[in-house]
Amino acid sequence: MRLACAGAFAVLSAGTALCAAPDHPTPTVEQRLAAMEAYFQNNDPSAALADAQGHVPAGLTTPVVGLPGPGHNGWVMLSAALVLFMTLPGLAIFYGGLVRRKNVLSILAQCLGVTSLVTVIWWALGYSLAFAPGGSGFGAIFGGFDYAFLRGVGSAPNATYSPWVSQNVFSMFQMMFAIITPALIVGAVAERMRFQAILTFVGLWMFAVYLPIVHMAWGGDGLMNGVGNPHAAIRAIDFAGGMAVEMASGWSSLVLCLIVGRRMNYGKELFAPHSMVFCMVGAGMLWVGWYGFNAGSAAAADGVASNAFLTTTLAGAVASGTWGLAEYFVRGKASVLGFCSGIVSGLVAITPACGFVNASGAMAIGVLGGLVPFLAVYKLKAWLKYDDSLDVFGVHGVAGTMGLLLTGLFADPAVNAHLVTGAAVQNGLATLGGGLWLEQIKAIGITFLVATAGTAVVACAVRAMMPLRITPEEEDSGLDLSEHGEEGYIL
């Protein structure tokens, strides 16, 4: 009886095991180890499962495939917070210190309003139009609607952009870029544009300018994404926002300030910053936040991120000193405003290059990033007599455009292997060598056209719907009282 029971139990156990056996292939120990090692190299863990032809057999996977990597995920979450810190409070305090006392709250309100508005746009359609697959037709310019209302954007990574960062974290990181870009533009029309008109402009501008440039520069099937799109028509490179953030905001600022017009008594009255202390504190906050902006764009806590951290520091510091030195030779004094402007212009110039150039390249970009925008602010602006209130074009437009070009000249494959592997091999970027700067010029030209034409159309459309400017009486009393019914200082 005992032997019979034992035999029956063995048969049933074997049968159960057979029924529970997986109907899909099982990874080997070597494949599982290789998938885990991919975490430290920021590589796709599923690549370890591919056969000799590069195909992963159906059903073959390991426990780490499709899961976020804690370190990389944590770094990008922190970076997203740092980029938001750039806008609130960094940019708000920096710009707030540069305007006159009667307009300080208007800058804070505009930064807050833009943050709220862009968040809603990003949730509804923005992320999808920027990063969803574009499909046929205009797919190289706009993404599709796969991620509308953040549908399906969960904690699993989207391997198109990162094998280890949750897609919802990646979407929030990119949302912070979308927030600060139009917030930069308000500096060009500070002290004279209506709050309602600014928010209406920003809402339309996001669709006409920002989202198509983002998709073209960084989308998986984007027209100008040389390191990410195997079929990119323009093999350009932009690590952290030379096109979508710096050029888009800078050139748009120039067009918008020309359409809105100059402030009353511009050229006759000195519009001095009301608080250089605010300006310096805000510039420092921007510098700190910029590490999330640049190093976070690696979408991993890896060697490329550490290089971006290094080059960002070098370029920002060198440009600050270069601007101050140029100011000393031209005016006989180096001002705090000059040092702060140099910090920002150097950080702007290194932004598209930070993950592609070495330390020496960063030093060269830092010198030019301080000198060329200085000349644009002090000479070009005076010659052309446009009223870019807080020099958004002179700093972001000029330094961003120059930085994109210099990226093509100083890019080093030893710094970033994506320049010569993966999509770069298929689209020809890997074999461009010294010809990369030509691709950068193509990308600069397209970004310039989209930013300037799109801004002109949107600004004219808003002007047809409502007044862009406040009245002369309101401008004289200040936007704080006329637009918000508050005062920044009660003395």
Protein backbone atom coordinates (compact mmCIF):
# COMPACT_ATOMS: atom_id res chain seq x y z
CA MET A 1 0.00 0.00 0.00
CA ARG A 2 2.78 2.36 0.91
CA LEU A 3 4.67 1.59 -2.28
CA ALA A 4 1.50 2.09 -4.32
CA CYS A 5 0.77 5.48 -2.71
CA ALA A 6 4.34 6.59 -3.23
CA GLY A 7 4.22 5.58 -6.88
CA ALA A 8 0.93 7.37 -7.46
CA PHE A 9 2.31 10.54 -5.84
CA ALA A 10 5.37 10.41 -8.09
CA VAL A 11 3.26 10.04 -11.23
CA LEU A 12 0.94 12.88 -10.24
CA SER A 13 3.90 15.14 -9.39
CA ALA A 14 5.51 14.43 -12.72
CA GLY A 15 2.26 15.13 -14.50
CA THR A 16 1.82 18.42 -12.67
CA ALA A 17 5.37 19.46 -13.51
CA LEU A 18 4.77 18.67 -17.18
CA CYS A 19 1.57 20.69 -17.20
CA ALA A 20 3.34 23.62 -15.53
CA ALA A 21 6.33 23.53 -17.87
CA PRO A 22 6.65 26.81 -19.76
CA ASP A 23 5.58 26.84 -23.39
CA HIS A 24 8.26 29.41 -24.23
CA PRO A 25 12.07 29.18 -24.32
CA THR A 26 14.06 29.69 -21.13
CA PRO A 27 17.11 31.99 -21.03
CA THR A 28 20.46 30.48 -20.20
CA VAL A 29 22.40 31.52 -17.12
CA GLU A 30 24.83 33.41 -19.39
CA GLN A 31 21.98 35.33 -21.01
CA ARG A 32 20.52 36.27 -17.65
CA LEU A 33 23.89 37.50 -16.43
CA ALA A 34 24.46 39.47 -19.63
CA ALA A 35 21.04 41.09 -19.26
CA MET A 36 21.93 42.16 -15.73
CA GLU A 37 25.31 43.49 -16.85
CA ALA A 38 23.51 45.65 -19.42
CA TYR A 39 22.23 47.73 -16.51
CA PHE A 40 25.72 48.93 -15.66
CA GLN A 41 26.45 49.75 -19.29
CA ASN A 42 23.05 51.38 -19.90
CA ASN A 43 22.37 48.93 -22.72
CA ASP A 44 19.18 47.15 -23.70
CA PRO A 45 18.92 43.96 -21.59
CA SER A 46 16.93 42.20 -24.30
CA ALA A 47 19.96 42.36 -26.63
CA ALA A 48 21.56 39.55 -24.62
CA LEU A 49 18.72 37.27 -25.74
CA ALA A 50 19.18 37.81 -29.48
CA ASP A 51 20.37 35.03 -31.76
CA ALA A 52 23.13 35.26 -34.35
CA GLN A 53 20.78 37.10 -36.71
CA GLY A 54 19.89 39.66 -34.05
CA HIS A 55 16.36 38.32 -33.44
CA VAL A 56 14.97 37.53 -29.99
CA PRO A 57 12.98 34.26 -30.09
CA ALA A 58 9.31 34.70 -29.29
CA GLY A 59 8.63 34.42 -25.57
CA LEU A 60 12.29 34.51 -24.55
CA THR A 61 12.89 37.03 -21.77
CA THR A 62 14.51 37.53 -18.38
CA PRO A 63 13.13 39.10 -15.18
CA VAL A 64 14.99 42.40 -15.78
CA VAL A 65 13.60 43.07 -19.27
CA GLY A 66 10.86 45.68 -19.09
CA LEU A 67 11.71 46.78 -15.55
CA PRO A 68 13.15 50.21 -14.62
CA GLY A 69 16.68 50.27 -13.26
CA PRO A 70 16.66 51.90 -9.80
CA GLY A 71 19.81 54.01 -10.19
CA HIS A 72 19.07 55.32 -13.66
CA ASN A 73 15.41 55.88 -12.82
CA GLY A 74 16.31 57.73 -9.63
CA TRP A 75 18.81 59.99 -11.42
CA VAL A 76 16.28 61.01 -14.07
CA MET A 77 13.64 61.72 -11.41
CA LEU A 78 16.12 63.95 -9.59
CA SER A 79 17.08 65.58 -12.89
CA ALA A 80 13.44 66.34 -13.65
CA ALA A 81 13.16 68.09 -10.30
CA LEU A 82 16.34 70.06 -11.05
CA VAL A 83 14.97 71.22 -14.41
CA LEU A 84 11.75 72.38 -12.75
CA PHE A 85 13.98 74.16 -10.21
CA MET A 86 15.45 76.06 -13.15
CA THR A 87 12.06 77.62 -13.89
CA LEU A 88 10.63 77.78 -10.40
CA PRO A 89 12.37 79.51 -8.72
CA GLY A 90 15.56 79.95 -10.81
CA LEU A 91 14.36 81.68 -13.97
CA ALA A 92 11.60 83.52 -12.10
CA ILE A 93 14.09 85.07 -9.67
CA PHE A 94 16.71 85.72 -12.37
CA TYR A 95 14.24 87.49 -14.67
CA GLY A 96 12.45 89.08 -11.72
CA GLY A 97 15.65 90.77 -10.61
CA LEU A 98 16.35 92.11 -14.11
CA VAL A 99 13.08 94.01 -14.55
CA ARG A 100 12.05 97.22 -12.79
CA ARG A 101 10.50 96.95 -9.35
CA LYS A 102 6.98 97.66 -10.61
CA ASN A 103 7.09 94.57 -12.86
CA VAL A 104 8.71 91.91 -10.68
CA LEU A 105 5.48 90.08 -9.84
CA SER A 106 4.44 89.99 -13.49
CA ILE A 107 7.50 87.84 -14.24
CA LEU A 108 6.69 85.48 -11.38
CA ALA A 109 3.06 85.22 -12.51
CA GLN A 110 4.09 84.51 -16.11
CA CYS A 111 6.45 81.71 -15.04
CA LEU A 112 3.75 80.20 -12.84
CA GLY A 113 1.09 80.52 -15.55
CA VAL A 114 3.31 78.94 -18.20
CA THR A 115 4.13 76.05 -15.86
CA SER A 116 0.46 75.26 -15.30
CA LEU A 117 -0.59 75.68 -18.92
CA VAL A 118 2.22 73.60 -20.41
CA THR A 119 1.61 70.80 -17.91
CA VAL A 120 -1.97 70.44 -19.18
CA ILE A 121 -0.83 70.56 -22.82
CA TRP A 122 1.85 67.96 -22.16
CA TRP A 123 -0.64 65.60 -20.52
CA ALA A 124 -3.24 65.97 -23.25
CA LEU A 125 -1.22 65.90 -26.48
CA GLY A 126 2.25 67.33 -25.99
CA TYR A 127 4.15 64.22 -24.98
CA SER A 128 2.46 62.16 -27.64
CA LEU A 129 3.12 64.61 -30.48
CA ALA A 130 6.74 64.90 -29.37
CA PHE A 131 7.69 61.29 -28.61
CA ALA A 132 5.09 58.86 -29.97
CA PRO A 133 5.91 57.11 -33.27
CA GLY A 134 5.00 59.42 -36.12
CA GLY A 135 4.04 56.83 -38.69
CA SER A 136 3.75 57.77 -42.36
CA GLY A 137 3.21 61.21 -43.82
CA PHE A 138 4.42 63.86 -41.39
CA GLY A 139 5.80 61.24 -39.01
CA ALA A 140 9.32 62.67 -39.20
CA ILE A 141 7.99 66.06 -38.04
CA PHE A 142 5.18 65.20 -35.60
CA GLY A 143 4.58 62.19 -33.40
CA GLY A 144 1.25 60.38 -33.41
CA PHE A 145 -1.52 60.11 -30.81
CA ASP A 146 -0.46 56.83 -29.20
CA TYR A 147 0.34 58.53 -25.89
CA ALA A 148 -2.46 61.12 -25.86
CA PHE A 149 -3.57 61.88 -22.30
CA LEU A 150 -0.50 59.85 -21.27
CA ARG A 151 -2.40 56.70 -22.19
CA GLY A 152 -0.20 53.66 -21.69
CA VAL A 153 2.64 55.76 -20.26
CA GLY A 154 3.42 53.65 -17.22
CA SER A 155 6.40 52.57 -15.16
CA ALA A 156 7.82 50.22 -17.78
CA PRO A 157 10.64 51.72 -19.86
CA ASN A 158 10.13 52.77 -23.46
CA ALA A 159 13.18 51.16 -25.04
CA THR A 160 13.17 53.70 -27.87
CA TYR A 161 14.42 56.32 -25.41
CA SER A 162 15.84 54.36 -22.48
CA PRO A 163 15.97 50.67 -21.55
CA TRP A 164 16.10 51.45 -17.83
CA VAL A 165 14.05 54.61 -17.16
CA SER A 166 10.30 54.37 -16.64
CA GLN A 167 8.38 55.99 -19.45
CA ASN A 168 6.31 58.04 -17.01
CA VAL A 169 9.54 59.38 -15.47
CA PHE A 170 10.95 60.13 -18.93
CA SER A 171 7.75 61.95 -19.86
CA MET A 172 7.93 64.12 -16.73
CA PHE A 173 11.61 64.88 -17.36
CA GLN A 174 10.77 66.06 -20.86
CA MET A 175 7.79 68.03 -19.55
CA MET A 176 10.16 70.19 -17.51
CA PHE A 177 11.97 71.09 -20.76
CA ALA A 178 8.63 71.97 -22.29
CA ILE A 179 7.90 74.27 -19.34
CA ILE A 180 11.13 76.24 -19.27
CA THR A 181 11.35 76.83 -23.04
CA PRO A 182 8.35 79.18 -23.44
CA ALA A 183 9.11 80.64 -19.99
CA LEU A 184 12.40 81.85 -21.45
CA ILE A 185 10.52 83.78 -24.15
CA VAL A 186 8.67 86.00 -21.66
CA GLY A 187 11.96 87.76 -20.94
CA ALA A 188 12.02 89.24 -24.43
CA VAL A 189 8.67 91.02 -23.99
CA ALA A 190 8.93 91.70 -20.27
CA GLU A 191 7.24 94.82 -18.89
CA ARG A 192 4.80 95.35 -21.77
CA MET A 193 2.84 92.25 -22.89
CA ARG A 194 -0.52 91.28 -21.41
CA PHE A 195 -0.69 88.19 -19.22
CA GLN A 196 -3.66 86.79 -21.17
CA ALA A 197 -1.88 87.36 -24.47
CA ILE A 198 1.29 85.65 -23.23
CA LEU A 199 -0.55 82.50 -22.14
CA THR A 200 -2.54 82.38 -25.38
CA PHE A 201 0.66 82.79 -27.36
CA VAL A 202 2.42 80.04 -25.39
CA GLY A 203 -0.48 77.61 -25.85
CA LEU A 204 -0.42 78.00 -29.64
CA TRP A 205 3.36 78.26 -29.88
CA MET A 206 3.79 74.86 -28.26
CA PHE A 207 2.02 73.20 -31.19
CA ALA A 208 3.43 75.40 -33.95
CA VAL A 209 7.08 75.47 -32.86
CA TYR A 210 8.12 73.46 -29.82
CA LEU A 211 6.52 70.06 -30.39
CA PRO A 212 7.58 69.62 -34.03
CA ILE A 213 11.16 70.65 -33.27
CA VAL A 214 11.32 68.25 -30.31
CA HIS A 215 10.06 65.37 -32.43
CA MET A 216 12.45 66.17 -35.26
CA ALA A 217 15.43 66.44 -32.90
CA TRP A 218 14.72 63.64 -30.40
CA GLY A 219 11.79 61.53 -31.61
CA GLY A 220 12.56 57.92 -32.42
CA ASP A 221 11.65 58.57 -36.06
CA GLY A 222 12.52 62.29 -36.02
CA LEU A 223 13.82 64.00 -39.15
CA MET A 224 17.02 65.32 -37.49
CA ASN A 225 17.73 62.67 -34.83
CA GLY A 226 21.09 61.38 -36.02
CA VAL A 227 21.87 59.27 -32.95
CA GLY A 228 18.39 57.83 -32.46
CA ASN A 229 16.71 57.39 -35.84
CA PRO A 230 18.27 54.82 -38.21
CA HIS A 231 16.51 56.56 -41.11
CA ALA A 232 17.16 60.20 -40.19
CA ALA A 233 17.26 62.39 -43.28
CA ILE A 234 19.48 64.89 -41.46
CA ARG A 235 22.13 63.23 -39.30
CA ALA A 236 22.36 66.05 -36.74
CA ILE A 237 23.14 65.68 -33.04
CA ASP A 238 21.72 67.63 -30.10
CA PHE A 239 22.33 66.24 -26.63
CA ALA A 240 20.19 68.40 -24.37
CA GLY A 241 18.24 71.05 -26.26
CA GLY A 242 20.21 73.29 -28.60
CA MET A 243 17.39 73.10 -31.14
CA ALA A 244 14.14 72.65 -29.22
CA VAL A 245 15.02 74.80 -26.20
CA GLU A 246 17.74 77.33 -26.97
CA MET A 247 17.30 78.08 -30.66
CA ALA A 248 13.52 77.76 -30.53
CA SER A 249 13.17 80.15 -27.58
CA GLY A 250 15.90 82.53 -28.72
CA TRP A 251 14.79 83.11 -32.30
CA SER A 252 11.13 83.13 -31.28
CA SER A 253 11.97 85.83 -28.74
CA LEU A 254 13.47 88.05 -31.42
CA VAL A 255 10.42 87.73 -33.66
CA LEU A 256 7.96 88.27 -30.83
CA CYS A 257 9.67 91.37 -29.44
CA LEU A 258 9.71 92.89 -32.93
CA ILE A 259 5.98 92.25 -33.35
CA VAL A 260 5.05 93.52 -29.87
CA GLY A 261 7.24 96.60 -30.23
CA ARG A 262 9.57 98.46 -27.91
CA ARG A 263 8.82 99.68 -24.41
CA MET A 264 7.89 103.31 -23.90
CA ASN A 265 10.93 105.57 -23.80
CA TYR A 266 13.22 102.76 -24.90
CA GLY A 267 16.59 104.29 -25.74
CA LYS A 268 15.73 107.47 -23.83
CA GLU A 269 15.39 106.06 -20.33
CA LEU A 270 17.64 103.70 -18.40
CA PHE A 271 15.83 100.44 -17.64
CA ALA A 272 18.17 99.21 -14.91
CA PRO A 273 17.58 95.90 -13.07
CA HIS A 274 15.84 96.53 -9.78
CA SER A 275 17.77 93.83 -7.87
CA MET A 276 21.16 92.50 -8.89
CA VAL A 277 21.03 90.31 -5.79
CA PHE A 278 17.99 88.52 -7.24
CA CYS A 279 19.77 88.28 -10.57
CA MET A 280 22.85 86.62 -9.09
CA VAL A 281 20.85 84.21 -6.91
CA GLY A 282 18.67 83.27 -9.88
CA ALA A 283 21.71 82.70 -12.10
CA GLY A 284 23.19 80.41 -9.44
CA MET A 285 19.94 78.45 -9.27
CA LEU A 286 19.94 78.10 -13.05
CA TRP A 287 23.49 76.74 -12.97
CA VAL A 288 22.61 74.15 -10.32
CA GLY A 289 19.46 73.13 -12.21
CA TRP A 290 21.39 72.89 -15.47
CA TYR A 291 23.12 69.74 -14.25
CA GLY A 292 19.73 68.03 -14.38
CA PHE A 293 19.10 69.64 -17.75
CA ASN A 294 22.35 68.42 -19.32
CA ALA A 295 23.57 65.40 -17.36
CA GLY A 296 19.98 64.17 -17.00
CA SER A 297 19.64 64.08 -20.78
CA ALA A 298 21.80 60.96 -20.80
CA ALA A 299 18.69 59.23 -19.40
CA ALA A 300 21.02 57.25 -17.16
CA ALA A 301 23.56 57.67 -14.39
CA ASP A 302 26.36 56.53 -16.69
CA GLY A 303 29.65 57.70 -18.18
CA VAL A 304 27.97 59.96 -20.71
CA ALA A 305 26.10 61.72 -17.90
CA SER A 306 29.32 62.20 -15.95
CA ASN A 307 30.97 63.72 -19.03
CA ALA A 308 28.02 66.07 -19.47
CA PHE A 309 28.41 67.07 -15.81
CA LEU A 310 32.08 67.88 -16.41
CA THR A 311 31.65 69.82 -19.65
CA THR A 312 28.68 71.78 -18.29
CA THR A 313 30.76 72.96 -15.35
CA LEU A 314 33.75 73.95 -17.46
CA ALA A 315 31.80 75.85 -20.09
CA GLY A 316 29.63 77.75 -17.61
CA ALA A 317 32.59 78.89 -15.50
CA VAL A 318 34.80 79.83 -18.44
CA ALA A 319 32.05 81.75 -20.24
CA SER A 320 31.28 83.72 -17.09
CA GLY A 321 34.90 84.84 -16.80
CA THR A 322 35.15 85.52 -20.53
CA TRP A 323 32.10 87.80 -20.48
CA GLY A 324 33.44 89.63 -17.43
CA LEU A 325 36.85 90.05 -19.06
CA ALA A 326 35.32 91.33 -22.31
CA GLU A 327 33.25 93.79 -20.31
CA TYR A 328 36.35 95.00 -18.50
CA PHE A 329 38.14 95.74 -21.78
CA VAL A 330 35.12 97.45 -23.34
CA ARG A 331 33.72 99.35 -20.35
CA GLY A 332 36.58 99.36 -17.88
CA LYS A 333 34.58 97.39 -15.29
CA ALA A 334 33.39 93.81 -14.91
CA SER A 335 29.81 93.82 -13.64
CA VAL A 336 27.86 91.23 -11.68
CA LEU A 337 25.28 91.29 -14.47
CA GLY A 338 28.06 90.46 -16.93
CA PHE A 339 29.28 87.49 -14.90
CA CYS A 340 25.70 86.21 -14.55
CA SER A 341 24.99 86.65 -18.27
CA GLY A 342 28.21 84.78 -19.05
CA ILE A 343 27.15 81.86 -16.84
CA VAL A 344 23.88 81.49 -18.73
CA SER A 345 25.37 81.97 -22.20
CA GLY A 346 28.09 79.39 -21.52
CA LEU A 347 25.55 76.88 -20.26
CA VAL A 348 23.40 77.51 -23.31
CA ALA A 349 26.33 77.02 -25.69
CA ILE A 350 27.41 73.72 -24.13
CA THR A 351 23.86 72.31 -23.93
CA PRO A 352 23.78 70.61 -27.38
CA ALA A 353 27.40 69.48 -27.03
CA CYS A 354 27.79 68.41 -23.38
CA GLY A 355 27.37 64.68 -23.98
CA PHE A 356 29.43 64.62 -27.16
CA VAL A 357 32.57 66.73 -26.51
CA ASN A 358 35.57 66.30 -24.23
CA ALA A 359 36.99 68.75 -21.69
CA SER A 360 39.08 70.66 -24.23
CA GLY A 361 36.08 71.07 -26.51
CA ALA A 362 34.07 72.37 -23.55
CA MET A 363 36.75 74.95 -22.77
CA ALA A 364 36.69 76.24 -26.35
CA ILE A 365 32.90 76.37 -26.34
CA GLY A 366 33.02 78.21 -23.02
CA VAL A 367 35.31 80.94 -24.37
CA LEU A 368 33.21 81.45 -27.50
CA GLY A 369 30.03 81.08 -25.47
CA GLY A 370 31.05 84.06 -23.38
CA LEU A 371 32.49 86.26 -26.13
CA VAL A 372 30.04 85.92 -29.04
CA PRO A 373 26.83 86.49 -27.02
CA PHE A 374 28.56 89.44 -25.31
CA LEU A 375 29.07 91.04 -28.72
CA ALA A 376 25.47 90.27 -29.67
CA VAL A 377 24.11 91.93 -26.51
CA TYR A 378 26.37 94.96 -26.47
CA LYS A 379 26.87 95.60 -30.19
CA LEU A 380 24.26 93.85 -32.37
CA LYS A 381 21.34 94.93 -30.20
CA ALA A 382 22.51 98.56 -30.29
CA TRP A 383 22.98 98.51 -34.05
CA LEU A 384 19.56 96.99 -34.82
CA LYS A 385 17.72 98.79 -31.98
CA TYR A 386 15.34 95.93 -31.12
CA ASP A 387 13.99 95.80 -27.57
CA ASP A 388 14.73 92.31 -26.33
CA SER A 389 14.10 93.27 -22.70
CA LEU A 390 16.22 90.62 -20.96
CA ASP A 391 18.46 89.62 -23.90
CA VAL A 392 16.85 86.27 -24.57
CA PHE A 393 17.89 86.33 -28.23
CA GLY A 394 21.39 87.61 -27.51
CA VAL A 395 22.02 84.82 -25.00
CA HIS A 396 19.82 81.88 -25.93
CA GLY A 397 19.38 82.45 -29.65
CA VAL A 398 22.98 83.34 -30.43
CA ALA A 399 24.70 80.97 -27.99
CA GLY A 400 22.32 78.12 -28.83
CA THR A 401 22.87 78.45 -32.58
CA MET A 402 26.63 78.72 -32.14
CA GLY A 403 26.66 75.76 -29.73
CA LEU A 404 24.92 73.52 -32.27
CA LEU A 405 27.51 74.38 -34.90
CA LEU A 406 30.42 73.86 -32.50
CA THR A 407 28.95 70.49 -31.49
CA GLY A 408 29.52 69.34 -35.06
CA LEU A 409 33.13 70.53 -34.93
CA PHE A 410 34.14 69.15 -31.52
CA ALA A 411 32.08 65.93 -31.22
CA ASP A 412 34.27 63.04 -30.05
CA PRO A 413 33.24 59.37 -30.50
CA ALA A 414 35.49 58.45 -27.57
CA VAL A 415 33.11 60.43 -25.35
CA ASN A 416 29.85 59.01 -26.71
CA ALA A 417 29.76 55.71 -28.59
CA HIS A 418 26.32 56.53 -30.01
CA LEU A 419 28.12 58.67 -32.58
CA VAL A 420 29.53 55.54 -34.25
CA THR A 421 27.19 52.70 -33.20
CA GLY A 422 23.53 51.74 -33.45
CA ALA A 423 21.40 54.13 -35.49
CA ALA A 424 24.50 56.15 -36.47
CA VAL A 425 25.78 53.19 -38.48
CA GLN A 426 22.52 52.72 -40.36
CA ASN A 427 21.90 56.37 -41.26
CA GLY A 428 25.52 57.22 -42.04
CA LEU A 429 26.32 59.48 -39.09
CA ALA A 430 29.15 57.16 -38.06
CA THR A 431 31.02 57.79 -41.33
CA LEU A 432 30.52 61.56 -41.58
CA GLY A 433 33.70 62.42 -39.70
CA GLY A 434 34.56 66.08 -40.27
CA GLY A 435 31.40 66.56 -42.33
CA LEU A 436 29.12 66.53 -39.31
CA TRP A 437 29.08 70.33 -39.18
CA LEU A 438 27.20 70.36 -42.51
CA GLU A 439 24.41 68.28 -40.97
CA GLN A 440 24.36 70.68 -38.04
CA ILE A 441 23.91 73.62 -40.41
CA LYS A 442 20.95 71.86 -42.04
CA ALA A 443 19.35 71.32 -38.64
CA ILE A 444 20.04 74.94 -37.67
CA GLY A 445 18.35 76.14 -40.85
CA ILE A 446 15.20 74.05 -40.30
CA THR A 447 14.98 75.04 -36.63
CA PHE A 448 15.39 78.71 -37.56
CA LEU A 449 12.60 78.52 -40.15
CA VAL A 450 10.16 76.70 -37.88
CA ALA A 451 10.86 79.01 -34.92
CA THR A 452 10.66 82.31 -36.79
CA ALA A 453 7.80 81.48 -39.15
CA GLY A 454 5.81 79.67 -36.48
CA THR A 455 6.23 82.52 -34.00
CA ALA A 456 5.23 85.14 -36.55
CA VAL A 457 2.06 83.25 -37.46
CA VAL A 458 1.11 82.60 -33.83
CA ALA A 459 1.82 86.17 -32.69
CA CYS A 460 -0.23 87.63 -35.52
CA ALA A 461 -3.07 85.23 -34.75
CA VAL A 462 -3.07 86.24 -31.09
CA ARG A 463 -2.95 89.91 -32.04
CA ALA A 464 -6.06 89.38 -34.17
CA MET A 465 -7.86 87.92 -31.15
CA MET A 466 -6.77 90.36 -28.42
CA PRO A 467 -4.40 93.23 -27.71
CA LEU A 468 -0.83 92.08 -27.19
CA ARG A 469 0.28 95.12 -25.23
CA ILE A 470 -0.93 96.86 -22.14
CA THR A 471 -1.96 100.52 -22.47
CA PRO A 472 0.61 103.33 -21.98
CA GLU A 473 -1.01 104.18 -18.65
CA GLU A 474 -0.74 100.58 -17.47
CA GLU A 475 2.85 100.36 -18.65
CA ASP A 476 3.66 103.49 -16.70
CA SER A 477 2.13 102.14 -13.47
CA GLY A 478 3.61 98.67 -14.01
CA LEU A 479 2.21 95.22 -14.76
CA ASP A 480 2.14 94.18 -11.11
CA LEU A 481 -0.76 96.51 -10.36
CA SER A 482 -2.42 96.68 -13.78
CA GLU A 483 -2.37 92.94 -14.52
CA HIS A 484 -2.32 91.30 -11.09
CA GLY A 485 -3.49 93.90 -8.58
CA GLU A 486 -0.48 93.30 -6.35
CA GLU A 487 2.86 94.86 -5.50
CA GLY A 488 6.13 93.05 -5.06
CA TYR A 489 7.28 95.33 -2.28
CA ILE A 490 5.25 97.21 0.32
CA LEU A 491 7.63 99.86 1.70
